N, C-alpha and C. Protein backbone atom coordinates (compact mmCIF):
# COMPACT_ATOMS: atom_id res chain seq x y z
N MET A 1 -40.41 -4.32 33.04
CA MET A 1 -39.39 -3.30 32.97
C MET A 1 -39.74 -2.16 33.92
N THR A 2 -38.73 -1.54 34.44
CA THR A 2 -38.94 -0.37 35.28
C THR A 2 -39.13 0.86 34.40
N ALA A 3 -39.42 1.98 35.02
CA ALA A 3 -39.59 3.22 34.26
C ALA A 3 -38.35 3.55 33.45
N ALA A 4 -37.18 3.19 33.97
CA ALA A 4 -35.93 3.46 33.26
C ALA A 4 -35.71 2.46 32.13
N GLY A 5 -36.51 1.40 32.06
CA GLY A 5 -36.38 0.42 31.01
C GLY A 5 -35.63 -0.84 31.41
N CYS A 6 -34.85 -0.77 32.47
CA CYS A 6 -34.04 -1.91 32.90
C CYS A 6 -34.94 -3.07 33.32
N ARG A 7 -34.58 -4.27 32.86
CA ARG A 7 -35.34 -5.46 33.21
C ARG A 7 -34.82 -6.07 34.50
N ALA A 8 -35.67 -6.17 35.48
CA ALA A 8 -35.29 -6.84 36.72
C ALA A 8 -34.91 -8.28 36.38
N GLY A 9 -33.79 -8.72 36.93
CA GLY A 9 -33.35 -10.09 36.69
C GLY A 9 -32.55 -10.28 35.43
N CYS A 10 -32.19 -9.23 34.71
CA CYS A 10 -31.40 -9.36 33.48
C CYS A 10 -29.95 -9.69 33.83
N GLY A 11 -29.27 -8.77 34.49
CA GLY A 11 -27.91 -9.00 34.95
C GLY A 11 -26.81 -8.94 33.91
N ALA A 12 -27.14 -8.70 32.64
CA ALA A 12 -26.12 -8.69 31.59
C ALA A 12 -25.02 -7.67 31.87
N CYS A 13 -25.40 -6.51 32.40
CA CYS A 13 -24.41 -5.47 32.67
C CYS A 13 -23.55 -5.80 33.90
N CYS A 14 -23.90 -6.85 34.62
CA CYS A 14 -23.12 -7.30 35.78
C CYS A 14 -22.26 -8.52 35.44
N ILE A 15 -22.29 -8.92 34.18
CA ILE A 15 -21.53 -10.08 33.72
C ILE A 15 -20.55 -9.70 32.61
N ALA A 16 -21.04 -9.09 31.55
CA ALA A 16 -20.24 -8.85 30.35
C ALA A 16 -19.07 -7.91 30.53
N PRO A 17 -19.27 -6.71 31.07
CA PRO A 17 -18.15 -5.76 31.09
C PRO A 17 -17.12 -6.03 32.18
N SER A 18 -15.91 -5.60 31.90
CA SER A 18 -14.89 -5.60 32.96
C SER A 18 -15.13 -4.36 33.82
N ILE A 19 -14.83 -4.47 35.09
CA ILE A 19 -14.95 -3.34 36.01
C ILE A 19 -13.62 -3.25 36.74
N SER A 20 -12.94 -2.14 36.55
CA SER A 20 -11.61 -2.00 37.14
C SER A 20 -11.65 -1.47 38.57
N SER A 21 -12.75 -0.87 38.97
CA SER A 21 -12.84 -0.34 40.33
C SER A 21 -13.17 -1.45 41.33
N THR A 22 -12.89 -1.16 42.57
CA THR A 22 -13.17 -2.10 43.65
C THR A 22 -14.67 -2.32 43.79
N ILE A 23 -15.04 -3.56 43.99
CA ILE A 23 -16.42 -3.96 44.26
C ILE A 23 -16.36 -4.72 45.58
N PRO A 24 -17.29 -4.50 46.50
CA PRO A 24 -17.28 -5.31 47.72
C PRO A 24 -17.28 -6.80 47.35
N GLY A 25 -16.30 -7.51 47.86
CA GLY A 25 -16.14 -8.93 47.53
C GLY A 25 -15.24 -9.18 46.34
N MET A 26 -14.90 -8.13 45.60
CA MET A 26 -14.01 -8.22 44.44
C MET A 26 -13.08 -7.01 44.49
N PRO A 27 -12.12 -7.02 45.40
CA PRO A 27 -11.28 -5.82 45.61
C PRO A 27 -10.43 -5.43 44.40
N GLN A 28 -10.19 -6.34 43.49
CA GLN A 28 -9.42 -6.04 42.28
C GLN A 28 -10.32 -5.73 41.09
N GLY A 29 -11.62 -5.58 41.33
CA GLY A 29 -12.55 -5.38 40.24
C GLY A 29 -13.00 -6.71 39.68
N LYS A 30 -13.50 -6.69 38.44
CA LYS A 30 -14.07 -7.89 37.83
C LYS A 30 -13.67 -7.97 36.37
N PRO A 31 -13.16 -9.12 35.95
CA PRO A 31 -12.83 -9.30 34.52
C PRO A 31 -14.11 -9.41 33.67
N ALA A 32 -13.98 -9.10 32.41
CA ALA A 32 -15.08 -9.25 31.47
C ALA A 32 -15.55 -10.70 31.44
N GLY A 33 -16.85 -10.88 31.38
CA GLY A 33 -17.43 -12.22 31.28
C GLY A 33 -17.56 -12.95 32.60
N VAL A 34 -17.09 -12.35 33.67
CA VAL A 34 -17.18 -12.96 35.00
C VAL A 34 -18.38 -12.37 35.73
N ARG A 35 -19.16 -13.22 36.29
CA ARG A 35 -20.34 -12.79 37.05
C ARG A 35 -19.90 -12.04 38.30
N CYS A 36 -20.44 -10.86 38.53
CA CYS A 36 -20.12 -10.09 39.73
C CYS A 36 -20.61 -10.86 40.96
N VAL A 37 -19.82 -10.86 42.01
CA VAL A 37 -20.22 -11.57 43.23
C VAL A 37 -21.43 -10.92 43.89
N GLN A 38 -21.73 -9.69 43.52
CA GLN A 38 -22.88 -9.00 44.10
C GLN A 38 -24.18 -9.25 43.32
N LEU A 39 -24.10 -10.06 42.29
CA LEU A 39 -25.28 -10.43 41.51
C LEU A 39 -25.90 -11.66 42.17
N ASP A 40 -27.14 -11.54 42.64
CA ASP A 40 -27.74 -12.67 43.36
C ASP A 40 -28.27 -13.73 42.41
N GLU A 41 -28.87 -14.77 42.96
CA GLU A 41 -29.36 -15.90 42.15
C GLU A 41 -30.51 -15.51 41.22
N ASP A 42 -31.14 -14.37 41.48
CA ASP A 42 -32.20 -13.87 40.59
C ASP A 42 -31.68 -12.78 39.65
N ASN A 43 -30.35 -12.69 39.53
CA ASN A 43 -29.70 -11.67 38.68
C ASN A 43 -30.08 -10.25 39.08
N ARG A 44 -30.11 -10.02 40.37
CA ARG A 44 -30.37 -8.68 40.91
C ARG A 44 -29.15 -8.25 41.71
N CYS A 45 -28.80 -6.97 41.58
CA CYS A 45 -27.63 -6.45 42.26
C CYS A 45 -27.91 -6.27 43.76
N ARG A 46 -27.07 -6.89 44.57
CA ARG A 46 -27.21 -6.76 46.02
C ARG A 46 -26.82 -5.35 46.49
N LEU A 47 -26.08 -4.61 45.67
CA LEU A 47 -25.62 -3.28 46.04
C LEU A 47 -26.52 -2.17 45.53
N PHE A 48 -27.56 -2.51 44.78
CA PHE A 48 -28.42 -1.49 44.20
C PHE A 48 -28.97 -0.59 45.31
N GLY A 49 -28.78 0.71 45.14
CA GLY A 49 -29.24 1.68 46.12
C GLY A 49 -28.33 1.84 47.33
N GLN A 50 -27.21 1.12 47.35
CA GLN A 50 -26.27 1.19 48.47
C GLN A 50 -25.11 2.13 48.13
N PRO A 51 -24.55 2.81 49.13
CA PRO A 51 -23.41 3.70 48.86
C PRO A 51 -22.15 2.97 48.39
N SER A 52 -22.07 1.67 48.63
CA SER A 52 -20.89 0.91 48.21
C SER A 52 -20.96 0.46 46.75
N ARG A 53 -22.05 0.76 46.07
CA ARG A 53 -22.16 0.40 44.66
C ARG A 53 -21.16 1.23 43.86
N PRO A 54 -20.33 0.59 43.02
CA PRO A 54 -19.31 1.33 42.26
C PRO A 54 -19.91 2.39 41.34
N LYS A 55 -19.17 3.48 41.17
CA LYS A 55 -19.63 4.58 40.32
C LYS A 55 -19.90 4.12 38.90
N VAL A 56 -19.06 3.23 38.39
CA VAL A 56 -19.26 2.75 37.01
C VAL A 56 -20.62 2.07 36.88
N CYS A 57 -21.06 1.40 37.91
CA CYS A 57 -22.38 0.76 37.89
C CYS A 57 -23.49 1.80 37.97
N LEU A 58 -23.28 2.80 38.80
CA LEU A 58 -24.26 3.89 38.92
C LEU A 58 -24.41 4.63 37.60
N ASP A 59 -23.32 4.77 36.87
CA ASP A 59 -23.31 5.54 35.62
C ASP A 59 -23.92 4.78 34.44
N PHE A 60 -24.01 3.46 34.54
CA PHE A 60 -24.58 2.68 33.43
C PHE A 60 -26.09 2.79 33.48
N SER A 61 -26.68 3.11 32.35
CA SER A 61 -28.14 3.17 32.32
C SER A 61 -28.67 2.41 31.11
N PHE A 62 -29.89 1.99 31.23
CA PHE A 62 -30.56 1.23 30.19
C PHE A 62 -30.53 1.99 28.87
N ASP A 63 -30.21 1.29 27.81
CA ASP A 63 -30.24 1.82 26.46
C ASP A 63 -30.81 0.72 25.57
N ARG A 64 -31.95 0.95 24.96
CA ARG A 64 -32.62 -0.08 24.17
C ARG A 64 -31.72 -0.65 23.07
N GLU A 65 -30.84 0.17 22.50
CA GLU A 65 -29.93 -0.30 21.46
C GLU A 65 -28.95 -1.35 22.01
N ILE A 66 -28.56 -1.20 23.24
CA ILE A 66 -27.63 -2.15 23.86
C ILE A 66 -28.38 -3.28 24.56
N CYS A 67 -29.36 -2.93 25.34
CA CYS A 67 -30.03 -3.90 26.20
C CYS A 67 -31.09 -4.72 25.49
N ALA A 68 -31.53 -4.27 24.32
CA ALA A 68 -32.50 -5.00 23.51
C ALA A 68 -33.77 -5.28 24.31
N SER A 69 -34.45 -6.37 23.97
CA SER A 69 -35.70 -6.68 24.64
C SER A 69 -35.62 -7.92 25.52
N ASP A 70 -34.41 -8.50 25.60
CA ASP A 70 -34.25 -9.68 26.46
C ASP A 70 -32.81 -9.78 26.96
N ALA A 71 -32.64 -10.52 28.04
CA ALA A 71 -31.33 -10.63 28.69
C ALA A 71 -30.29 -11.31 27.81
N ALA A 72 -30.68 -12.33 27.06
CA ALA A 72 -29.72 -13.05 26.22
C ALA A 72 -29.12 -12.14 25.16
N THR A 73 -29.97 -11.34 24.52
CA THR A 73 -29.48 -10.41 23.50
C THR A 73 -28.63 -9.32 24.13
N ALA A 74 -29.05 -8.83 25.30
CA ALA A 74 -28.26 -7.82 26.01
C ALA A 74 -26.87 -8.35 26.31
N LEU A 75 -26.77 -9.58 26.75
CA LEU A 75 -25.47 -10.18 27.06
C LEU A 75 -24.61 -10.29 25.80
N ILE A 76 -25.18 -10.71 24.71
CA ILE A 76 -24.45 -10.80 23.44
C ILE A 76 -23.92 -9.42 23.04
N ARG A 77 -24.78 -8.41 23.09
CA ARG A 77 -24.38 -7.06 22.68
C ARG A 77 -23.32 -6.47 23.62
N LEU A 78 -23.49 -6.65 24.92
CA LEU A 78 -22.51 -6.13 25.87
C LEU A 78 -21.18 -6.87 25.76
N ASN A 79 -21.22 -8.18 25.50
CA ASN A 79 -19.97 -8.93 25.27
C ASN A 79 -19.27 -8.39 24.03
N TRP A 80 -20.02 -8.13 22.97
CA TRP A 80 -19.42 -7.58 21.74
C TRP A 80 -18.80 -6.22 22.01
N LEU A 81 -19.53 -5.36 22.70
CA LEU A 81 -18.98 -4.02 23.02
C LEU A 81 -17.71 -4.14 23.86
N GLU A 82 -17.72 -5.02 24.83
CA GLU A 82 -16.54 -5.20 25.69
C GLU A 82 -15.34 -5.67 24.88
N SER A 83 -15.55 -6.61 23.99
CA SER A 83 -14.44 -7.13 23.19
C SER A 83 -13.98 -6.16 22.11
N SER A 84 -14.84 -5.21 21.76
CA SER A 84 -14.51 -4.23 20.72
C SER A 84 -13.80 -3.00 21.24
N THR A 85 -13.77 -2.83 22.54
CA THR A 85 -13.17 -1.61 23.10
C THR A 85 -11.92 -1.91 23.90
């Protein structure tokens, strides 16, 4: 885990939520449950640290209650949150 707590290679926050803003390669955004095209084969964001990274992605930060201690649980929790809102 990084100092912020985020697990490299998790990718749950790049799969579960819908993103309505434009993403490079996904001009209409991304539906919930769809893997972002900017998520590489190691579940790392290709836009991390780039100015083209959407604000919604920049604003999301690790939260142990949501992200848990593993990627599978994080995906379950984020899917539940997405379907509940």
